[in-house]
N, C-alpha and C. Protein backbone atom coordinates (compact mmCIF):
# COMPACT_ATOMS: atom_id res chain seq x y z
N MET A 1 4.97 -0.10 13.62
CA MET A 1 6.12 -0.52 12.83
C MET A 1 7.24 -0.91 13.78
N SER A 2 7.90 -2.01 13.48
CA SER A 2 9.02 -2.44 14.32
C SER A 2 10.33 -1.86 13.80
N THR A 3 11.33 -1.86 14.65
CA THR A 3 12.64 -1.31 14.31
C THR A 3 13.26 -2.11 13.16
N PRO A 4 13.78 -1.43 12.11
CA PRO A 4 14.43 -2.14 11.00
C PRO A 4 15.64 -2.95 11.49
N THR A 5 15.82 -4.12 10.92
CA THR A 5 16.92 -5.00 11.31
C THR A 5 17.93 -5.22 10.18
N HIS A 6 17.60 -4.75 8.97
CA HIS A 6 18.48 -4.92 7.81
C HIS A 6 18.56 -3.61 7.04
N CYS A 7 19.70 -3.37 6.41
CA CYS A 7 19.91 -2.16 5.61
C CYS A 7 19.02 -2.21 4.35
N PRO A 8 18.26 -1.14 4.07
CA PRO A 8 17.43 -1.14 2.87
C PRO A 8 18.24 -1.02 1.59
N TRP A 9 19.50 -0.61 1.68
CA TRP A 9 20.36 -0.46 0.49
C TRP A 9 21.08 -1.75 0.14
N CYS A 10 21.79 -2.35 1.12
CA CYS A 10 22.61 -3.53 0.79
C CYS A 10 22.08 -4.83 1.39
N GLY A 11 21.08 -4.77 2.29
CA GLY A 11 20.49 -5.96 2.86
C GLY A 11 21.24 -6.56 4.04
N TRP A 12 22.34 -5.92 4.47
CA TRP A 12 23.15 -6.44 5.57
C TRP A 12 22.38 -6.34 6.89
N GLY A 13 22.50 -7.33 7.74
CA GLY A 13 21.85 -7.32 9.05
C GLY A 13 22.53 -6.31 9.96
N TYR A 14 21.74 -5.53 10.68
CA TYR A 14 22.29 -4.43 11.48
C TYR A 14 23.06 -4.86 12.72
N GLN A 15 22.86 -5.98 13.31
CA GLN A 15 23.56 -6.46 14.52
C GLN A 15 24.00 -5.30 15.42
N ASP A 16 25.29 -5.18 15.72
CA ASP A 16 25.79 -4.14 16.64
C ASP A 16 26.53 -3.01 15.94
N ALA A 17 26.75 -3.09 14.64
CA ALA A 17 27.58 -2.11 13.94
C ALA A 17 26.76 -1.21 13.03
N ALA A 18 25.73 -0.56 13.59
CA ALA A 18 24.89 0.34 12.81
C ALA A 18 24.21 1.31 13.77
N LEU A 19 23.60 2.34 13.21
CA LEU A 19 22.84 3.29 14.00
C LEU A 19 21.41 3.30 13.49
N VAL A 20 20.46 3.05 14.37
CA VAL A 20 19.05 3.11 14.03
C VAL A 20 18.37 3.98 15.08
N GLN A 21 17.86 5.14 14.65
CA GLN A 21 17.23 6.06 15.59
C GLN A 21 15.80 6.34 15.18
N GLU A 22 14.89 6.21 16.12
CA GLU A 22 13.47 6.47 15.87
C GLU A 22 13.19 7.96 15.97
N PHE A 23 12.36 8.48 15.05
CA PHE A 23 11.87 9.85 15.17
C PHE A 23 10.46 9.92 14.63
N TRP A 24 9.77 11.00 14.98
CA TRP A 24 8.38 11.17 14.59
C TRP A 24 8.22 12.42 13.76
N SER A 25 7.41 12.35 12.72
CA SER A 25 7.04 13.50 11.90
C SER A 25 5.52 13.58 11.95
N GLY A 26 5.01 14.49 12.78
CA GLY A 26 3.58 14.52 13.01
C GLY A 26 3.16 13.26 13.73
N ASP A 27 2.26 12.49 13.14
CA ASP A 27 1.85 11.22 13.74
C ASP A 27 2.47 10.01 13.05
N GLU A 28 3.49 10.25 12.22
CA GLU A 28 4.15 9.16 11.50
C GLU A 28 5.46 8.76 12.18
N GLN A 29 5.66 7.48 12.35
CA GLN A 29 6.87 6.94 12.95
C GLN A 29 7.90 6.65 11.85
N TRP A 30 9.13 7.13 12.02
CA TRP A 30 10.21 6.93 11.07
C TRP A 30 11.46 6.46 11.80
N PHE A 31 12.36 5.83 11.05
CA PHE A 31 13.65 5.41 11.59
C PHE A 31 14.75 5.93 10.66
N CYS A 32 15.72 6.61 11.24
CA CYS A 32 16.90 7.03 10.49
C CYS A 32 17.94 5.93 10.70
N CYS A 33 18.38 5.30 9.61
CA CYS A 33 19.28 4.15 9.69
C CYS A 33 20.59 4.44 8.98
N TRP A 34 21.70 4.14 9.65
CA TRP A 34 23.03 4.25 9.03
C TRP A 34 23.68 2.88 9.08
N CYS A 35 24.14 2.41 7.93
CA CYS A 35 24.75 1.09 7.81
C CYS A 35 26.27 1.23 7.81
N SER A 36 26.94 0.51 8.69
CA SER A 36 28.40 0.59 8.74
C SER A 36 29.07 -0.21 7.62
N ARG A 37 28.32 -1.06 6.93
CA ARG A 37 28.89 -1.83 5.82
C ARG A 37 28.94 -1.00 4.54
N CYS A 38 27.81 -0.44 4.12
CA CYS A 38 27.78 0.32 2.86
C CYS A 38 27.87 1.83 3.12
N GLU A 39 27.81 2.24 4.40
CA GLU A 39 27.94 3.63 4.82
C GLU A 39 26.88 4.55 4.22
N ARG A 40 25.70 4.02 4.00
CA ARG A 40 24.58 4.83 3.49
C ARG A 40 23.59 5.12 4.61
N VAL A 41 22.85 6.19 4.43
CA VAL A 41 21.81 6.58 5.38
C VAL A 41 20.45 6.45 4.70
N ALA A 42 19.47 5.96 5.42
CA ALA A 42 18.12 5.83 4.87
C ALA A 42 17.10 6.17 5.95
N ASP A 43 16.05 6.86 5.57
CA ASP A 43 14.89 7.07 6.45
C ASP A 43 13.85 6.04 6.07
N VAL A 44 13.44 5.23 7.03
CA VAL A 44 12.51 4.13 6.79
C VAL A 44 11.23 4.40 7.57
N GLY A 45 10.09 4.32 6.89
CA GLY A 45 8.80 4.53 7.55
C GLY A 45 7.72 3.75 6.85
N ALA A 46 6.62 3.56 7.54
CA ALA A 46 5.46 2.89 6.95
C ALA A 46 4.63 3.91 6.19
N ILE A 47 4.27 3.59 4.96
CA ILE A 47 3.46 4.50 4.16
C ILE A 47 2.27 3.73 3.59
N ASP A 48 1.19 4.46 3.33
CA ASP A 48 -0.01 3.82 2.77
C ASP A 48 0.00 3.83 1.25
N ARG A 49 0.62 4.86 0.65
CA ARG A 49 0.60 5.00 -0.80
C ARG A 49 1.84 5.77 -1.25
N ILE A 50 2.37 5.42 -2.41
CA ILE A 50 3.52 6.13 -2.96
C ILE A 50 3.30 6.32 -4.45
N VAL A 51 3.65 7.49 -4.95
CA VAL A 51 3.56 7.80 -6.37
C VAL A 51 4.97 8.17 -6.83
N VAL A 52 5.48 7.48 -7.80
CA VAL A 52 6.82 7.76 -8.32
C VAL A 52 6.76 7.98 -9.83
N THR A 53 7.68 8.77 -10.32
CA THR A 53 7.81 8.95 -11.76
C THR A 53 9.10 8.30 -12.20
N GLU A 54 9.12 7.88 -13.42
CA GLU A 54 10.29 7.20 -13.94
C GLU A 54 10.79 7.96 -15.17
N ALA A 55 12.05 8.33 -15.14
CA ALA A 55 12.63 9.01 -16.29
C ALA A 55 12.99 7.99 -17.37
N VAL A 56 12.62 8.28 -18.59
CA VAL A 56 12.92 7.39 -19.71
C VAL A 56 13.94 8.10 -20.60
N MET A 57 15.07 7.45 -20.81
CA MET A 57 16.11 8.02 -21.66
C MET A 57 15.73 7.82 -23.13
N ALA A 58 15.85 8.86 -23.90
CA ALA A 58 15.50 8.78 -25.32
C ALA A 58 16.65 8.28 -26.15
């Protein structure tokens, strides 16, 4: 996996005003990303499968 170049929240290009740090969890490569535009933090990694549930408002 290559280093993320855009914020996963707002889509802004990371250029020089962001923090992207690589870390490992077992044998999985992850990146902790902080965007200076929207000021959000995201952990980005490659995954093979994801299962999500969706709440439905009654």
